[in-house]
Amino acid sequence: MYSFMGGGLFCAWVGTILLVVATATDHWMQYRLSGSFAHQGLWRYCLGSKCYLQTESIAYWNATRAFMILSVLCATSGIILGILAFAQQPAFTRLSRPFSAGIMFFTSTLFILLALAIYTGVTVTFLGRRFGDWRFSWSYILGWVALLMTFFAGTFYMCAYRMHECQRMSTPR
């Protein structure tokens, strides 16, 4: 059980760090504009070496930002529950900490998936036509890697929960 929780906690730490970096940085998309390179993120866009805040309130940016922030909050809550799962004294007999941590990581994974799906859909259909020479950049890719890591963290914690439940059911009362 502890090896699953340890693996889950490792994946959770890595996934959350990648998630924060992906959300905060401004390299989600790179493109050429008037012969010079430019890149943009969720909060800023940069033309050459000069960066500007995204002041427009465009729905897909707001939705992507909101889902990424929610995913960071869920992943952080999952880490806290995951650390508390190592403590032997159960605070609630009906609520398992590894199960709760797994649910938080799966919820974080869902929010990341929603954010990346919205961003991908709008970028490919709208911005891809606007900028001829464009590509997704490393911040966007870190978001997909964070999705995988939080999914694996949730899977590890669910395996730890199932293992603990099987051990609890097999011991005589």
Protein backbone atom coordinates (compact mmCIF):
# COMPACT_ATOMS: atom_id res chain seq x y z
CA MET A 1 0.00 0.00 0.00
CA TYR A 2 2.77 2.46 0.91
CA SER A 3 4.64 1.84 -2.33
CA PHE A 4 1.52 2.79 -4.32
CA MET A 5 1.06 5.90 -2.20
CA GLY A 6 4.74 6.78 -2.60
CA GLY A 7 4.49 6.43 -6.37
CA GLY A 8 1.30 8.46 -6.35
CA LEU A 9 2.86 11.19 -4.26
CA PHE A 10 5.88 11.35 -6.60
CA CYS A 11 3.65 11.62 -9.67
CA ALA A 12 1.53 14.21 -7.88
CA TRP A 13 4.51 16.43 -7.00
CA VAL A 14 5.90 16.27 -10.52
CA GLY A 15 2.48 16.80 -12.09
CA THR A 16 1.63 19.76 -9.89
CA ILE A 17 4.98 21.46 -10.52
CA LEU A 18 4.55 20.97 -14.27
CA LEU A 19 0.99 22.25 -14.01
CA VAL A 20 2.04 25.44 -12.23
CA VAL A 21 4.85 26.03 -14.75
CA ALA A 22 2.53 25.41 -17.70
CA THR A 23 -0.11 27.76 -16.29
CA ALA A 24 2.30 30.56 -15.43
CA THR A 25 4.55 30.64 -18.49
CA ASP A 26 3.84 32.29 -21.81
CA HIS A 27 5.00 29.70 -24.33
CA TRP A 28 1.76 27.92 -25.23
CA MET A 29 1.96 28.91 -28.89
CA GLN A 30 4.69 30.26 -31.16
CA TYR A 31 4.11 31.98 -34.48
CA ARG A 32 5.54 34.44 -36.97
CA LEU A 33 4.01 37.89 -37.09
CA SER A 34 5.29 40.43 -39.62
CA GLY A 35 8.49 38.45 -40.12
CA SER A 36 9.44 38.22 -36.43
CA PHE A 37 8.85 35.45 -33.94
CA ALA A 38 6.15 35.83 -31.32
CA HIS A 39 4.74 33.60 -28.59
CA GLN A 40 1.80 33.69 -26.26
CA GLY A 41 0.57 32.09 -23.09
CA LEU A 42 -2.53 32.34 -20.97
CA TRP A 43 -1.51 35.63 -19.36
CA ARG A 44 0.90 37.39 -21.78
CA TYR A 45 1.96 37.53 -25.39
CA CYS A 46 5.42 38.51 -26.57
CA LEU A 47 6.44 40.11 -29.85
CA GLY A 48 10.18 39.82 -30.28
CA SER A 49 11.63 40.55 -26.85
CA LYS A 50 8.81 42.78 -25.60
CA CYS A 51 5.91 41.19 -23.67
CA TYR A 52 2.39 42.54 -23.09
CA LEU A 53 -0.44 41.46 -20.79
CA GLN A 54 -3.46 39.78 -22.36
CA THR A 55 -6.01 42.48 -21.58
CA GLU A 56 -8.74 41.19 -23.87
CA SER A 57 -11.43 39.20 -22.11
CA ILE A 58 -11.76 36.38 -24.61
CA ALA A 59 -13.93 33.49 -23.44
CA TYR A 60 -11.60 30.64 -24.38
CA TRP A 61 -8.63 32.22 -22.59
CA ASN A 62 -10.75 32.81 -19.51
CA ALA A 63 -12.07 29.25 -19.59
CA THR A 64 -8.59 27.80 -20.07
CA ARG A 65 -7.20 29.93 -17.25
CA ALA A 66 -10.05 28.98 -14.91
CA PHE A 67 -9.74 25.25 -15.59
CA MET A 68 -5.96 25.35 -15.16
CA ILE A 69 -6.28 27.19 -11.83
CA LEU A 70 -8.94 24.72 -10.65
CA SER A 71 -6.68 21.83 -11.62
CA VAL A 72 -3.78 23.30 -9.63
CA LEU A 73 -6.07 23.68 -6.59
CA CYS A 74 -7.35 20.09 -6.91
CA ALA A 75 -3.84 18.70 -7.35
CA THR A 76 -2.60 20.65 -4.31
CA SER A 77 -5.53 19.34 -2.25
CA GLY A 78 -4.72 15.85 -3.48
CA ILE A 79 -1.10 16.22 -2.36
CA ILE A 80 -2.22 17.31 1.10
CA LEU A 81 -4.62 14.36 1.34
CA GLY A 82 -1.91 12.08 -0.04
CA ILE A 83 0.55 13.15 2.65
CA LEU A 84 -2.12 12.72 5.32
CA ALA A 85 -2.81 9.22 3.97
CA PHE A 86 0.55 8.11 5.35
CA ALA A 87 -0.71 8.81 8.88
CA GLN A 88 -2.18 5.68 10.44
CA GLN A 89 -4.89 7.32 12.54
CA PRO A 90 -8.03 7.64 10.40
CA ALA A 91 -9.90 10.85 11.09
CA PHE A 92 -13.06 9.50 9.48
CA THR A 93 -13.95 5.83 9.38
CA ARG A 94 -16.17 6.23 6.31
CA LEU A 95 -13.78 8.40 4.29
CA SER A 96 -10.50 6.94 3.12
CA ARG A 97 -7.64 9.38 2.59
CA PRO A 98 -6.07 7.46 -0.32
CA PHE A 99 -9.49 7.30 -1.99
CA SER A 100 -10.04 11.03 -1.45
CA ALA A 101 -6.57 11.84 -2.81
CA GLY A 102 -7.25 9.68 -5.87
CA ILE A 103 -10.54 11.47 -6.51
CA MET A 104 -8.82 14.86 -6.24
CA PHE A 105 -6.16 13.82 -8.76
CA PHE A 106 -8.76 12.49 -11.19
CA THR A 107 -10.69 15.75 -10.82
CA SER A 108 -7.50 17.68 -11.51
CA THR A 109 -6.94 15.51 -14.59
CA LEU A 110 -10.45 16.30 -15.82
CA PHE A 111 -9.89 20.05 -15.40
CA ILE A 112 -6.57 19.88 -17.26
CA LEU A 113 -8.23 17.92 -20.06
CA LEU A 114 -11.01 20.51 -20.34
CA ALA A 115 -8.52 23.41 -20.39
CA LEU A 116 -6.29 21.80 -23.01
CA ALA A 117 -9.24 20.71 -25.15
CA ILE A 118 -10.67 24.23 -25.20
CA TYR A 119 -7.29 25.78 -25.97
CA THR A 120 -6.51 23.20 -28.67
CA GLY A 121 -9.88 23.52 -30.34
CA VAL A 122 -9.83 27.29 -30.56
CA THR A 123 -6.15 27.45 -31.52
CA VAL A 124 -6.47 24.94 -34.35
CA THR A 125 -9.72 26.31 -35.78
CA PHE A 126 -9.25 30.04 -35.29
CA LEU A 127 -5.67 31.04 -34.56
CA GLY A 128 -4.18 28.40 -36.86
CA ARG A 129 -5.88 30.06 -39.81
CA ARG A 130 -4.90 33.54 -38.65
CA PHE A 131 -1.19 32.74 -38.31
CA GLY A 132 0.13 30.63 -41.17
CA ASP A 133 3.40 29.58 -39.55
CA TRP A 134 2.55 28.52 -35.99
CA ARG A 135 3.05 25.65 -33.56
CA PHE A 136 2.27 24.65 -30.00
CA SER A 137 5.16 25.29 -27.65
CA TRP A 138 6.67 23.82 -24.50
CA SER A 139 4.24 25.28 -21.94
CA TYR A 140 1.36 23.60 -23.76
CA ILE A 141 3.28 20.32 -23.89
CA LEU A 142 3.99 20.55 -20.15
CA GLY A 143 0.23 20.77 -19.65
CA TRP A 144 -0.23 17.40 -21.40
CA VAL A 145 2.59 15.83 -19.37
CA ALA A 146 0.99 17.19 -16.17
CA LEU A 147 -2.28 15.59 -17.27
CA LEU A 148 -0.56 12.21 -17.49
CA MET A 149 1.21 12.63 -14.16
CA THR A 150 -1.96 13.58 -12.27
CA PHE A 151 -3.80 10.69 -13.90
CA PHE A 152 -1.08 8.26 -12.78
CA ALA A 153 -1.12 9.80 -9.29
CA GLY A 154 -4.87 9.17 -9.08
CA THR A 155 -4.39 5.62 -10.35
CA PHE A 156 -1.69 4.89 -7.77
CA TYR A 157 -3.84 6.22 -4.94
CA MET A 158 -6.83 4.18 -6.08
CA CYS A 159 -4.61 1.07 -6.16
CA ALA A 160 -3.43 1.88 -2.62
CA TYR A 161 -7.05 2.25 -1.54
CA ARG A 162 -8.05 -1.09 -3.11
CA MET A 163 -5.05 -2.83 -1.55
CA HIS A 164 -5.90 -1.41 1.88
CA GLU A 165 -9.55 -2.43 1.52
CA CYS A 166 -8.58 -5.97 0.49
CA GLN A 167 -6.25 -6.26 3.48
CA ARG A 168 -8.91 -4.87 5.81
CA MET A 169 -11.54 -7.33 4.55
CA SER A 170 -9.22 -10.34 4.81
CA THR A 171 -8.23 -9.76 8.45
CA PRO A 172 -10.55 -11.37 11.02
CA ARG A 173 -12.45 -9.05 13.29
